[in-house]
Amino acid sequence: MFRKLLLCVDPYPPSNTLVSHAIALKQVGAEETILAHILADAPLELDTMLREQARPEMEQQKQILEEAKLKASIAMEAGIPAHALNALAEKEDASLLIIGTHGRGLLESMVLAGSPLGNVSSKLLHLSHRPMLLVPNALPTKETGNAPPELFSHLLFPTDFSDTAEIAFAYLETIVRATQCPVTLLHVQDRSRPAPHLGHRLKELQELDGLRLQRLQGWIKGLGAPDVRIDLIQGNPGDEIVKRAKSCGCSLILMGTQGKGITREILLGSVAHHVARHAAQPVLFIPALL
């Protein structure tokens, strides 16, 4: 499923956070990693100096990955970071892009309060139509060491029962088969935009959504998940997903996105974009088919 990983790293200063997440993804089939670092266009002499400065740390990260039995390579490209990373992902046919949402350089905060969407993480989400793992608080520190995180200790799967959610559900199935992880299935009935003409049917709709969740629950249990909970609540979907992820102690949020990457959702400021901005946990975004 995620055989080839593209790690969007920044060696100034170094961090092994994304490397450790790549190692955790061995559980779901990761075999190969590309450590990608994008340099600004510069004269030849400066370009050579920047590459020489970045290479020692990237070689160390490459060694960590290889010691974990992952094939690893280094790619340093010049250009506009988000566009260059997206082009590299296409060229290498990457199964999954991994990028941090905090730090400096490529690991900038995805959106600072009150600021426009302008940095690498948000632009890459805007451009890419490949699955992407956003890792929050990927700060430039080595405190986490090389041990992989417990990425699949408890997975939260928000669904709106759309075609896009069905595509994401196929990824959930594969992960459960491989990891036997506990899962919480969440549906938030959006009450932020009430439909007066449906008021008399709210109870009926709630029962229908409950039955949908129970059907998914039975299927995931059949794949070997030891604990599958269902949660049907009302409220603002983005807010409730972030709250539920925190309260249930989930290790990963897996959810579908609309359009190409989350282009439409960025423009509309909708659910996936809100989760990307505010979730404290890694978020695995599965895009809709083009």
Protein backbone atom coordinates (compact mmCIF):
# COMPACT_ATOMS: atom_id res chain seq x y z
CA MET A 1 0.00 0.00 0.00
CA PHE A 2 2.69 2.50 1.01
CA ARG A 3 5.69 0.79 -0.57
CA LYS A 4 7.64 3.92 -1.54
CA LEU A 5 7.75 6.91 0.81
CA LEU A 6 8.82 10.45 -0.01
CA LEU A 7 10.10 12.17 3.16
CA CYS A 8 10.08 15.95 2.86
CA VAL A 9 12.97 16.72 5.21
CA ASP A 10 14.82 19.84 6.31
CA PRO A 11 18.32 19.25 7.71
CA TYR A 12 18.64 22.78 9.16
CA PRO A 13 18.55 22.01 12.09
CA PRO A 14 18.17 18.23 11.96
CA SER A 15 15.19 16.14 13.09
CA ASN A 16 14.57 12.40 12.99
CA THR A 17 10.82 12.71 13.60
CA LEU A 18 9.78 12.01 10.02
CA VAL A 19 12.37 9.26 9.72
CA SER A 20 10.87 7.48 12.74
CA HIS A 21 7.40 7.72 11.19
CA ALA A 22 8.73 6.19 7.98
CA ILE A 23 10.08 3.27 10.01
CA ALA A 24 6.67 2.83 11.68
CA LEU A 25 5.11 2.50 8.22
CA LYS A 26 7.00 -0.74 7.65
CA GLN A 27 4.00 -2.33 9.35
CA VAL A 28 1.87 -1.44 6.33
CA GLY A 29 4.32 -2.36 3.62
CA ALA A 30 6.90 0.44 3.40
CA GLU A 31 10.03 -0.83 1.63
CA GLU A 32 11.73 2.22 0.16
CA THR A 33 12.26 5.83 1.23
CA ILE A 34 13.42 8.94 -0.59
CA LEU A 35 14.83 11.70 1.60
CA ALA A 36 13.89 14.84 -0.32
CA HIS A 37 15.34 18.28 0.35
CA ILE A 38 14.57 21.25 -1.89
CA LEU A 39 17.13 24.00 -2.39
CA ALA A 40 16.45 27.48 -3.64
CA ASP A 41 17.73 28.25 -7.12
CA ALA A 42 21.22 29.66 -6.63
CA PRO A 43 24.47 30.20 -8.53
CA LEU A 44 26.52 27.04 -8.99
CA GLU A 45 29.03 27.82 -6.24
CA LEU A 46 26.33 28.55 -3.64
CA ASP A 47 24.28 25.56 -4.76
CA THR A 48 27.27 23.29 -4.27
CA MET A 49 27.90 24.71 -0.79
CA LEU A 50 24.26 24.22 0.26
CA ARG A 51 24.29 20.62 -0.92
CA GLU A 52 27.51 19.92 0.98
CA GLN A 53 26.01 21.42 4.14
CA ALA A 54 22.85 19.33 3.91
CA ARG A 55 24.40 16.01 2.94
CA PRO A 56 25.98 14.90 6.29
CA GLU A 57 22.69 15.01 8.19
CA MET A 58 20.80 13.42 5.32
CA GLU A 59 23.38 10.65 5.10
CA GLN A 60 22.88 10.02 8.83
CA GLN A 61 19.10 9.81 8.30
CA LYS A 62 19.69 7.48 5.36
CA GLN A 63 21.79 5.23 7.59
CA ILE A 64 19.02 5.11 10.22
CA LEU A 65 16.52 4.04 7.58
CA GLU A 66 18.85 1.40 6.16
CA GLU A 67 19.53 0.00 9.63
CA ALA A 68 15.75 -0.37 9.94
CA LYS A 69 15.82 -2.45 6.73
CA LEU A 70 14.35 0.25 4.52
CA LYS A 71 15.95 0.99 1.19
CA ALA A 72 16.90 4.67 1.23
CA SER A 73 18.13 7.31 -1.19
CA ILE A 74 18.73 11.06 -1.13
CA ALA A 75 17.25 13.56 -3.57
CA MET A 76 18.24 17.22 -3.50
CA GLU A 77 16.44 19.34 -6.07
CA ALA A 78 16.42 23.05 -6.82
CA GLY A 79 13.20 24.95 -7.27
CA ILE A 80 10.03 26.13 -5.55
CA PRO A 81 9.70 23.66 -2.67
CA ALA A 82 6.06 22.52 -2.94
CA HIS A 83 6.15 22.29 -6.72
CA ALA A 84 9.51 20.53 -6.73
CA LEU A 85 8.36 18.01 -4.10
CA ASN A 86 5.16 17.31 -6.01
CA ALA A 87 7.10 16.83 -9.24
CA LEU A 88 9.54 14.49 -7.48
CA ALA A 89 6.66 12.46 -6.02
CA GLU A 90 5.21 12.07 -9.50
CA LYS A 91 8.56 11.20 -11.05
CA GLU A 92 9.31 8.57 -8.40
CA ASP A 93 5.69 7.33 -8.26
CA ALA A 94 5.70 7.74 -4.47
CA SER A 95 2.98 5.87 -2.59
CA LEU A 96 2.91 8.38 0.26
CA LEU A 97 4.34 11.81 1.04
CA ILE A 98 5.35 12.57 4.64
CA ILE A 99 5.79 16.14 5.78
CA GLY A 100 5.86 17.96 9.11
CA THR A 101 3.64 20.89 9.97
CA HIS A 102 5.87 22.71 12.45
CA GLY A 103 9.45 23.81 12.61
CA ARG A 104 11.40 25.86 10.09
CA GLY A 105 11.93 25.61 6.37
CA LEU A 106 9.81 22.73 5.08
CA LEU A 107 8.58 22.06 8.58
CA GLU A 108 6.88 25.39 9.04
CA SER A 109 3.58 25.61 10.81
CA MET A 110 0.96 24.82 8.22
CA VAL A 111 -1.06 27.91 9.01
CA LEU A 112 -0.20 30.56 11.56
CA ALA A 113 -3.18 32.15 13.23
CA GLY A 114 -4.48 34.91 10.99
CA SER A 115 -1.90 34.32 8.27
CA PRO A 116 -2.55 33.32 4.64
CA LEU A 117 -1.91 29.83 3.31
CA GLY A 118 1.55 30.30 1.99
CA ASN A 119 4.06 27.73 3.16
CA VAL A 120 5.22 24.37 1.89
CA SER A 121 2.89 22.02 3.76
CA SER A 122 -0.30 23.77 2.71
CA LYS A 123 0.86 24.28 -0.88
CA LEU A 124 1.86 20.64 -1.19
CA LEU A 125 -1.56 19.55 0.07
CA HIS A 126 -3.03 21.88 -2.52
CA LEU A 127 -0.98 20.39 -5.36
CA SER A 128 -0.70 16.69 -4.64
CA HIS A 129 -3.21 13.99 -5.50
CA ARG A 130 -1.25 11.33 -3.62
CA PRO A 131 -1.83 10.17 -0.04
CA MET A 132 -0.06 12.39 2.46
CA LEU A 133 0.87 11.99 6.11
CA LEU A 134 1.04 15.26 8.02
CA VAL A 135 3.07 15.00 11.22
CA PRO A 136 2.36 17.85 13.67
CA ASN A 137 5.03 19.33 15.88
CA ALA A 138 7.86 17.84 13.82
CA LEU A 139 10.23 20.13 15.64
CA PRO A 140 13.96 20.24 14.93
CA THR A 141 15.08 18.04 17.78
CA LYS A 142 16.49 14.57 18.22
CA GLU A 143 14.74 13.98 21.53
CA THR A 144 12.46 11.36 19.97
CA GLY A 145 15.45 9.19 19.08
CA ASN A 146 15.18 6.56 16.37
CA ALA A 147 12.40 4.45 17.88
CA PRO A 148 9.32 4.43 15.64
CA PRO A 149 6.18 6.00 17.14
CA GLU A 150 3.12 3.95 18.01
CA LEU A 151 1.42 5.14 14.86
CA PHE A 152 -1.19 2.37 14.81
CA SER A 153 -2.06 2.01 18.49
CA HIS A 154 -5.54 3.53 17.97
CA LEU A 155 -6.88 4.81 14.67
CA LEU A 156 -9.68 7.38 14.29
CA PHE A 157 -11.64 7.16 11.05
CA PRO A 158 -14.08 10.05 10.46
CA THR A 159 -16.57 9.34 7.68
CA ASP A 160 -19.39 11.22 5.99
CA PHE A 161 -20.35 8.08 4.00
CA SER A 162 -19.35 9.79 0.73
CA ASP A 163 -17.55 8.20 -2.23
CA THR A 164 -14.34 9.83 -1.01
CA ALA A 165 -14.81 8.30 2.44
CA GLU A 166 -15.23 4.88 0.80
CA ILE A 167 -11.84 5.27 -0.89
CA ALA A 168 -10.27 6.14 2.48
CA PHE A 169 -12.08 3.17 4.04
CA ALA A 170 -10.22 0.82 1.66
CA TYR A 171 -6.96 2.11 3.17
CA LEU A 172 -8.38 1.56 6.65
CA GLU A 173 -9.14 -2.05 5.74
CA THR A 174 -5.56 -2.64 4.61
CA ILE A 175 -4.11 -1.05 7.74
CA VAL A 176 -6.34 -3.12 10.04
CA ARG A 177 -5.39 -6.33 8.25
CA ALA A 178 -1.70 -5.50 8.67
CA THR A 179 -1.69 -4.10 12.21
CA GLN A 180 -4.84 -5.40 13.96
CA CYS A 181 -5.19 -1.93 15.49
CA PRO A 182 -8.15 -0.65 17.53
CA VAL A 183 -10.40 1.70 15.58
CA THR A 184 -12.95 4.39 16.36
CA LEU A 185 -15.44 5.06 13.56
CA LEU A 186 -16.80 8.61 13.79
CA HIS A 187 -19.63 10.36 12.01
CA VAL A 188 -20.49 13.95 12.84
CA GLN A 189 -23.95 15.07 11.82
CA ASP A 190 -23.33 18.63 10.70
CA ARG A 191 -25.63 20.97 12.57
CA SER A 192 -23.69 24.09 11.59
CA ARG A 193 -25.88 24.44 8.51
CA PRO A 194 -29.37 23.30 9.52
CA ALA A 195 -31.86 22.24 6.87
CA PRO A 196 -35.33 23.25 8.16
CA HIS A 197 -37.14 21.01 5.66
CA LEU A 198 -35.41 17.96 7.18
CA GLY A 199 -36.31 18.79 10.78
CA HIS A 200 -39.06 16.20 10.97
CA ARG A 201 -36.62 13.53 9.71
CA LEU A 202 -33.72 14.12 12.11
CA LYS A 203 -34.48 11.04 14.20
CA GLU A 204 -34.81 8.92 11.07
CA LEU A 205 -31.51 10.25 9.71
CA GLN A 206 -29.76 9.60 13.02
CA GLU A 207 -30.97 6.00 13.02
CA LEU A 208 -29.80 5.57 9.42
CA ASP A 209 -26.35 6.95 10.21
CA GLY A 210 -26.15 4.68 13.25
CA LEU A 211 -26.91 1.64 11.08
CA ARG A 212 -24.24 2.72 8.59
CA LEU A 213 -21.66 2.93 11.36
CA GLN A 214 -22.70 -0.47 12.71
CA ARG A 215 -22.24 -2.01 9.26
CA LEU A 216 -18.72 -0.58 9.02
CA GLN A 217 -18.02 -1.71 12.58
CA GLY A 218 -18.97 -5.29 11.78
CA TRP A 219 -16.78 -5.30 8.70
CA ILE A 220 -13.71 -3.96 10.51
CA LYS A 221 -14.19 -6.42 13.38
CA GLY A 222 -14.24 -9.18 10.80
CA LEU A 223 -10.79 -8.09 9.63
CA GLY A 224 -9.34 -8.73 13.08
CA ALA A 225 -9.47 -5.38 14.87
CA PRO A 226 -9.62 -6.17 18.62
CA ASP A 227 -11.73 -3.14 19.49
CA VAL A 228 -13.97 -1.16 17.13
CA ARG A 229 -15.99 1.66 18.63
CA ILE A 230 -18.58 3.80 16.91
CA ASP A 231 -19.32 7.41 17.69
CA LEU A 232 -22.29 9.33 16.28
CA ILE A 233 -22.43 12.95 17.39
CA GLN A 234 -23.77 16.30 16.26
CA GLY A 235 -21.82 19.51 15.79
CA ASN A 236 -19.25 21.11 13.56
CA PRO A 237 -17.38 18.23 11.86
CA GLY A 238 -13.90 19.79 11.91
CA ASP A 239 -14.10 20.79 15.55
CA GLU A 240 -15.59 17.47 16.65
CA ILE A 241 -12.99 15.37 14.83
CA VAL A 242 -10.17 17.26 16.54
CA LYS A 243 -11.88 16.97 19.94
CA ARG A 244 -12.64 13.27 19.54
CA ALA A 245 -9.09 12.50 18.44
CA LYS A 246 -7.84 14.03 21.67
CA SER A 247 -10.42 12.48 23.99
CA CYS A 248 -10.05 8.93 22.68
CA GLY A 249 -6.26 9.11 22.69
CA CYS A 250 -5.93 8.18 19.05
CA SER A 251 -2.48 7.83 17.48
CA LEU A 252 -3.53 8.55 13.89
CA ILE A 253 -6.44 10.16 12.07
CA LEU A 254 -7.24 8.68 8.66
CA MET A 255 -9.67 10.58 6.47
CA GLY A 256 -10.58 11.28 2.88
CA THR A 257 -10.29 14.62 1.14
CA GLN A 258 -12.29 16.15 -1.67
CA GLY A 259 -11.07 17.17 -5.11
CA LYS A 260 -7.40 17.11 -6.04
CA GLY A 261 -5.44 16.88 -2.80
CA ILE A 262 -7.51 19.15 -0.57
CA THR A 263 -7.65 22.00 -3.10
CA ARG A 264 -11.36 22.66 -2.74
CA GLU A 265 -11.26 22.24 0.99
CA ILE A 266 -8.44 24.76 1.38
CA LEU A 267 -10.42 27.28 -0.64
CA LEU A 268 -13.58 26.60 1.34
CA GLY A 269 -11.88 26.28 4.74
CA SER A 270 -13.76 23.03 5.32
CA VAL A 271 -13.33 19.86 7.33
CA ALA A 272 -10.03 18.35 6.16
CA HIS A 273 -8.35 21.74 6.18
CA HIS A 274 -9.54 22.40 9.74
CA VAL A 275 -8.24 19.03 10.91
CA ALA A 276 -4.91 19.60 9.17
CA ARG A 277 -4.54 22.90 11.01
CA HIS A 278 -5.62 21.84 14.48
CA ALA A 279 -5.10 18.11 15.07
CA ALA A 280 -2.41 17.19 17.59
CA GLN A 281 -2.04 13.75 16.01
CA PRO A 282 -0.60 12.73 12.64
CA VAL A 283 -3.24 12.87 9.92
CA LEU A 284 -3.24 10.55 6.94
CA PHE A 285 -5.12 12.20 4.07
CA ILE A 286 -6.44 10.00 1.26
CA PRO A 287 -7.47 12.03 -1.79
CA ALA A 288 -10.43 11.35 -4.01
CA LEU A 289 -9.76 9.68 -7.34
CA LEU A 290 -9.12 12.13 -10.16
